[in-house]
Protein backbone atom coordinates (compact mmCIF):
# COMPACT_ATOMS: atom_id res chain seq x y z
CA MET A 1 28.39 -0.63 -8.47
CA ASN A 2 29.85 -1.90 -5.21
CA GLY A 3 28.93 -0.62 -1.74
CA MET A 4 31.50 2.17 -1.65
CA ASP A 5 30.42 3.43 -5.07
CA TRP A 6 26.85 3.73 -3.79
CA ILE A 7 28.04 5.71 -0.78
CA VAL A 8 30.17 8.07 -2.88
CA LEU A 9 27.76 8.46 -5.80
CA GLY A 10 24.34 7.20 -4.72
CA ILE A 11 23.69 9.68 -1.90
CA PRO A 12 24.73 12.93 -3.70
CA PHE A 13 23.20 11.78 -7.01
CA GLY A 14 19.97 10.92 -5.19
CA ILE A 15 19.92 14.30 -3.44
CA VAL A 16 20.29 16.11 -6.78
CA LEU A 17 17.42 14.14 -8.31
CA LEU A 18 15.27 14.64 -5.21
CA TYR A 19 15.90 18.39 -5.29
CA PHE A 20 15.06 18.91 -8.96
CA GLY A 21 12.21 16.40 -8.86
CA SER A 22 10.63 18.17 -5.90
CA ASP A 23 11.24 21.60 -7.47
CA TRP A 24 9.51 20.62 -10.73
CA LEU A 25 6.69 18.87 -8.92
CA VAL A 26 6.05 21.83 -6.62
CA LYS A 27 6.15 24.39 -9.43
CA GLY A 28 3.90 22.33 -11.67
CA ALA A 29 1.41 21.43 -8.95
CA LYS A 30 1.38 24.99 -7.62
CA GLY A 31 0.70 26.31 -11.12
CA LEU A 32 -2.16 23.89 -11.65
CA ALA A 33 -3.70 24.77 -8.26
CA LEU A 34 -3.45 28.51 -8.85
CA ARG A 35 -5.02 28.10 -12.29
CA LEU A 36 -7.95 26.40 -10.57
CA GLY A 37 -8.44 29.46 -8.36
CA ILE A 38 -7.08 28.11 -5.08
CA SER A 39 -5.67 30.85 -2.83
CA PRO A 40 -1.88 31.17 -2.34
CA PHE A 41 -2.11 30.38 1.39
CA VAL A 42 -3.99 27.14 0.81
CA VAL A 43 -1.53 26.30 -1.97
CA GLY A 44 1.33 26.76 0.48
CA LEU A 45 -0.25 24.61 3.15
CA THR A 46 -1.42 21.81 0.86
CA VAL A 47 0.05 21.64 -2.66
CA VAL A 48 3.51 22.97 -1.81
CA ALA A 49 3.61 21.01 1.45
CA ILE A 50 2.57 17.77 -0.25
CA GLY A 51 5.02 18.40 -3.08
CA SER A 52 7.93 19.17 -0.76
CA SER A 53 7.01 16.07 1.29
CA ALA A 54 7.09 13.94 -1.84
CA PRO A 55 10.77 12.94 -1.29
CA GLU A 56 9.85 11.56 2.13
CA CYS A 57 6.86 9.72 0.65
CA ILE A 58 8.75 8.17 -2.26
CA THR A 59 11.58 7.31 0.11
CA SER A 60 9.09 5.46 2.30
CA LEU A 61 7.80 3.49 -0.67
CA VAL A 62 11.30 2.31 -1.63
CA SER A 63 12.27 1.54 1.99
CA MET A 64 9.90 -1.36 2.64
CA ASP A 65 12.81 -3.63 3.52
CA ASN A 66 14.02 -1.09 6.11
CA PRO A 67 10.99 0.12 8.11
CA SER A 68 13.33 1.86 10.57
CA LEU A 69 14.38 4.14 7.70
CA ILE A 70 10.73 5.12 7.19
CA LEU A 71 10.28 6.00 10.85
CA GLY A 72 13.63 7.78 11.10
CA ASN A 73 12.87 9.72 7.93
CA VAL A 74 9.52 10.99 9.24
CA VAL A 75 10.70 11.92 12.74
CA GLY A 76 14.06 13.26 11.56
CA SER A 77 12.48 15.30 8.77
CA ASN A 78 10.00 16.93 11.15
CA ILE A 79 12.85 17.82 13.48
CA ALA A 80 15.00 19.14 10.62
CA ASN A 81 12.08 21.08 9.11
CA ILE A 82 11.90 23.30 12.21
CA GLY A 83 15.43 23.03 13.60
CA LEU A 84 17.04 23.70 10.22
CA ALA A 85 14.56 24.94 7.59
CA ILE A 86 12.56 27.45 9.68
CA ALA A 87 15.62 28.40 11.73
CA LEU A 88 17.87 29.08 8.72
CA ALA A 89 15.10 30.99 6.93
CA ALA A 90 14.49 33.17 10.00
CA MET A 91 18.22 33.84 10.23
CA VAL A 92 18.10 35.16 6.65
CA SER A 93 15.06 37.30 7.43
CA PRO A 94 12.81 37.21 10.54
CA LEU A 95 9.56 35.53 9.54
CA VAL A 96 6.22 37.24 10.11
CA ALA A 97 3.55 34.58 10.65
CA ARG A 98 0.01 35.52 11.64
CA TYR A 99 -1.34 33.19 14.29
CA THR A 100 -4.96 33.94 13.36
CA SER A 101 -4.25 32.67 9.84
CA MET A 102 -2.81 29.32 10.86
CA ARG A 103 -3.98 28.48 14.36
CA VAL A 104 -5.97 25.45 13.15
CA GLU A 105 -3.01 24.17 11.15
CA LEU A 106 -0.61 24.63 14.06
CA ALA A 107 -3.03 22.74 16.31
CA VAL A 108 -3.21 19.89 13.79
CA MET A 109 0.61 19.82 13.58
CA ILE A 110 0.83 19.40 17.37
CA GLY A 111 -1.98 16.85 17.24
CA ALA A 112 -0.14 14.82 14.61
CA ALA A 113 2.99 14.82 16.78
CA LEU A 114 0.97 13.63 19.80
CA LEU A 115 -0.63 10.94 17.62
CA LEU A 116 2.86 9.68 16.85
CA VAL A 117 3.50 9.54 20.60
CA VAL A 118 0.40 7.33 20.97
CA PHE A 119 1.73 5.01 18.26
CA ALA A 120 5.10 4.94 20.03
CA VAL A 121 3.40 3.85 23.26
CA MET A 122 1.70 1.09 21.23
CA GLY A 123 5.10 0.14 19.82
CA ARG A 124 4.17 0.07 16.16
CA VAL A 125 2.23 1.57 13.26
CA GLY A 126 0.31 -0.88 11.09
CA PRO A 127 -2.09 -0.85 8.11
CA LEU A 128 -5.17 -0.04 10.23
CA GLU A 129 -3.49 3.02 11.72
CA GLY A 130 -2.35 4.00 8.23
CA VAL A 131 -5.88 3.88 6.83
CA LEU A 132 -7.26 5.90 9.74
CA MET A 133 -4.57 8.55 9.25
CA LEU A 134 -5.32 8.85 5.54
CA VAL A 135 -9.04 9.26 6.27
CA GLY A 136 -8.18 11.96 8.80
CA LEU A 137 -5.99 13.69 6.22
CA VAL A 138 -8.84 13.80 3.70
CA ILE A 139 -11.18 15.27 6.33
CA PHE A 140 -8.56 17.87 7.24
CA LEU A 141 -8.01 18.91 3.61
CA VAL A 142 -11.73 19.20 2.89
CA PHE A 143 -12.21 21.30 6.04
CA LEU A 144 -9.21 23.47 5.16
CA TYR A 145 -10.40 24.07 1.61
CA ARG A 146 -13.91 25.05 2.70
CA VAL A 147 -12.66 27.42 5.38
CA LYS A 148 -9.86 29.08 3.45
CA LYS A 149 -10.72 28.80 -0.23
CA GLY A 150 -11.64 32.49 -0.35
CA ASP A 151 -8.48 33.75 1.36
CA GLY A 152 -6.53 36.02 -0.93
CA GLU A 153 -6.69 36.41 -4.70
CA ALA A 154 -5.88 33.64 -7.13
CA VAL A 155 -2.92 34.43 -9.35
CA GLN A 156 -1.71 33.21 -12.71
CA PRO A 157 1.23 30.77 -12.66
CA VAL A 158 4.09 32.45 -14.52
CA ASP A 159 7.66 31.44 -15.27
CA ASP A 160 10.80 33.51 -14.72
CA GLY A 161 10.18 35.40 -17.96
CA GLY A 162 6.70 36.47 -16.94
CA ARG A 163 4.95 34.10 -19.36
CA VAL A 164 1.83 32.24 -18.24
CA ARG A 165 2.43 28.49 -18.16
CA GLY A 166 -0.14 26.35 -19.94
CA TYR A 167 -1.67 23.13 -18.68
CA PRO A 168 0.51 20.83 -20.88
CA ILE A 169 3.71 22.37 -19.49
CA LEU A 170 2.46 22.17 -15.91
CA VAL A 171 1.38 18.53 -16.27
CA THR A 172 4.76 17.69 -17.85
CA MET A 173 6.57 19.33 -14.93
CA VAL A 174 4.55 17.30 -12.42
CA SER A 175 5.15 14.04 -14.31
CA ALA A 176 8.87 14.66 -14.74
CA GLY A 177 9.16 15.63 -11.09
CA LEU A 178 7.60 12.35 -9.97
CA VAL A 179 9.99 10.34 -12.17
CA LEU A 180 13.03 12.16 -10.80
CA LEU A 181 11.75 11.71 -7.24
CA TYR A 182 11.43 7.96 -7.69
CA PHE A 183 14.91 7.42 -9.11
CA GLY A 184 16.39 9.95 -6.69
CA ALA A 185 14.85 8.20 -3.70
CA THR A 186 16.00 4.77 -4.92
CA SER A 187 19.58 5.96 -5.40
CA PHE A 188 19.58 7.87 -2.12
CA ILE A 189 18.24 4.96 -0.05
CA ASP A 190 20.69 2.49 -1.62
CA GLY A 191 23.55 4.83 -0.74
CA ALA A 192 22.27 5.45 2.77
CA THR A 193 21.85 1.72 3.40
CA GLU A 194 25.42 1.05 2.30
CA LEU A 195 26.61 3.92 4.51
CA ALA A 196 24.93 2.32 7.52
CA LYS A 197 26.62 -1.00 6.78
CA ALA A 198 30.04 0.59 6.23
CA MET A 199 29.91 2.67 9.42
CA GLY A 200 28.23 0.01 11.53
CA ILE A 201 25.39 2.32 12.55
CA SER A 202 21.68 1.58 12.72
CA ASP A 203 19.16 2.16 9.94
CA LEU A 204 17.24 4.38 12.36
CA MET A 205 20.22 6.72 12.84
CA VAL A 206 20.77 6.94 9.08
CA GLY A 207 17.08 7.76 8.68
CA LEU A 208 17.10 10.35 11.46
CA ILE A 209 20.10 12.26 10.11
CA VAL A 210 21.22 11.42 6.55
CA VAL A 211 17.89 10.53 4.97
CA ALA A 212 15.93 13.12 6.97
CA VAL A 213 18.18 16.04 6.04
CA GLY A 214 18.46 14.85 2.44
CA THR A 215 14.71 14.60 1.95
CA SER A 216 14.18 17.90 3.83
CA LEU A 217 16.30 19.82 1.33
CA PRO A 218 13.20 20.96 -0.64
CA GLU A 219 11.67 22.41 2.55
CA ILE A 220 14.96 24.08 3.49
CA CYS A 221 15.34 25.62 0.02
CA ILE A 222 11.69 26.69 -0.18
CA CYS A 223 11.85 28.35 3.25
CA ILE A 224 15.08 30.23 2.59
CA LEU A 225 13.91 31.45 -0.84
CA ALA A 226 10.52 32.46 0.58
CA ALA A 227 12.23 34.38 3.39
CA ARG A 228 14.46 36.24 0.93
CA ARG A 229 11.42 37.17 -1.16
CA GLY A 230 9.39 38.23 1.88
CA GLU A 231 6.83 35.43 1.39
CA ASN A 232 6.60 34.78 5.13
CA ASP A 233 3.27 32.96 5.17
CA LEU A 234 4.53 30.53 2.52
CA ALA A 235 7.72 29.82 4.47
CA VAL A 236 5.97 28.98 7.75
CA SER A 237 2.83 27.35 6.33
CA ASN A 238 5.00 25.10 4.12
CA ILE A 239 6.75 23.68 7.19
CA VAL A 240 3.54 23.37 9.22
CA GLY A 241 1.87 21.54 6.33
CA SER A 242 4.92 19.39 5.65
CA ASN A 243 5.14 18.24 9.28
CA ILE A 244 1.46 17.34 9.22
CA PHE A 245 1.80 15.38 5.97
CA ASN A 246 4.97 13.60 7.10
CA VAL A 247 3.04 11.95 9.93
CA ILE A 248 -0.46 11.40 8.57
CA PHE A 249 0.51 10.85 4.92
CA VAL A 250 4.12 9.68 4.57
CA LEU A 251 4.06 7.43 7.65
CA ALA A 252 0.55 6.28 6.75
CA VAL A 253 1.57 5.27 3.23
CA GLY A 254 4.55 3.33 4.54
CA SER A 255 2.48 1.55 7.19
CA LEU A 256 0.03 0.30 4.55
CA PHE A 257 2.74 -1.98 3.17
CA VAL A 258 4.79 -2.92 6.23
CA ASP A 259 4.43 -2.82 10.00
CA ILE A 260 6.68 -0.05 11.32
CA PRO A 261 8.08 -0.82 14.79
CA ILE A 262 8.71 2.14 17.10
CA PRO A 263 11.47 1.46 19.66
CA SER A 264 11.35 2.94 23.15
CA THR A 265 14.27 5.28 22.36
CA VAL A 266 12.04 7.08 19.85
CA LEU A 267 9.38 7.56 22.53
CA TYR A 268 11.74 8.79 25.24
CA PHE A 269 14.25 10.83 23.21
CA HIS A 270 13.43 11.63 19.58
CA LEU A 271 9.72 12.44 19.92
CA PRO A 272 10.30 14.81 22.87
CA VAL A 273 12.78 16.73 20.70
CA MET A 274 10.22 16.88 17.88
CA LEU A 275 7.54 18.10 20.29
CA LEU A 276 9.91 20.66 21.84
CA LEU A 277 10.72 22.24 18.48
CA SER A 278 7.03 22.15 17.49
CA MET A 279 6.09 23.95 20.71
CA VAL A 280 8.84 26.57 20.20
CA LEU A 281 7.38 27.30 16.75
CA LEU A 282 3.80 27.34 18.07
CA LEU A 283 4.56 29.66 21.00
CA SER A 284 6.63 32.02 18.85
CA VAL A 285 3.80 32.39 16.32
CA ARG A 286 1.12 32.48 19.03
CA PHE A 287 2.63 35.26 21.14
CA ARG A 288 4.83 37.14 18.66
CA ASN A 289 3.23 36.45 15.27
CA SER A 290 6.75 35.86 14.03
CA VAL A 291 9.90 33.76 14.21
CA SER A 292 12.72 36.10 15.23
CA ARG A 293 16.46 35.57 14.94
CA PRO A 294 16.86 34.79 18.67
CA VAL A 295 14.14 32.14 18.39
CA ALA A 296 15.83 30.80 15.26
CA LEU A 297 19.12 30.55 17.15
CA SER A 298 17.40 28.55 19.89
CA MET A 299 15.98 26.19 17.25
CA LEU A 300 19.43 25.70 15.70
CA ALA A 301 20.92 25.10 19.17
CA ILE A 302 18.31 22.45 19.94
CA TYR A 303 19.00 20.69 16.64
CA ALA A 304 22.78 20.82 17.13
CA ALA A 305 22.43 19.43 20.66
CA TYR A 306 20.12 16.69 19.34
CA VAL A 307 22.67 15.52 16.76
CA ALA A 308 25.53 15.80 19.26
CA VAL A 309 23.72 13.61 21.81
CA MET A 310 22.98 10.98 19.14
CA ALA A 311 26.63 10.94 18.13
CA ALA A 312 27.75 10.64 21.76
CA VAL A 313 25.18 7.97 22.71
CA PRO A 314 24.62 5.68 19.67
CA SER A 315 22.33 3.43 21.74
CA LEU A 316 19.66 6.13 21.42
CA THR A 317 19.29 5.19 17.74
CA LEU A 318 18.80 1.45 18.23
């Protein structure tokens, strides 16, 4: 296919594969975790968060020739996760989120964002930083499991008909999900790259908007569905976990294979927006134990203003 074909077909086809791949991976991994007796909250913060971050991770692996796409994907996804996913879910139904249940995780989310600021001051993320982040992630997961493994009751993974899924089905779902994620990410990145060339915009801007929103679709869908079902802890913990994993897992994996430069515009514009939205979420949960519709509107307004400024000042994405 030529460049225009990739723009017309590659991006939407990739999004479809990313959506279904993430959906199958999350359902299969969640089922396996619940069968092993892990509590629903821990599943939401780890298994579901890792699964819904899988599009970002696979996208990083197939973007080695465009390290700016990796950076834009991570930063843009974290911004979209709060400014779109949490905000839209809270507009559907105000989200109750207990601060006492997730204060450690919220602190780690802010810490991960500040770590990215440190890397931005350094001007790059390399293999050494990637290894250190992955070690920190393992420590965090072990700590989280030991502290919260007894929270709540384990439940049986069931399908829409109420039947208990067996291990072979769950493993098949995980495997199929990973395959769809790979081909979806490849198609999506090819289309996004051609879009950047056709429009004469930077890879970073494509990563911050097109790739970020595309790979955040699983989080957006999970949050909205969880809000409609009243699964508030899952909606919020999924985003908190996803934002943690995007920095110390997705970015780390990408930096193992290629040095990722961080331009000054990311330090002075994009990261402050990410930190602002993170602090809005933290303060809302800390003082209200919820994300209300007015707070959600403020998140949406911040995201809209962010995109509008980028469109008006393209130099901010160079």
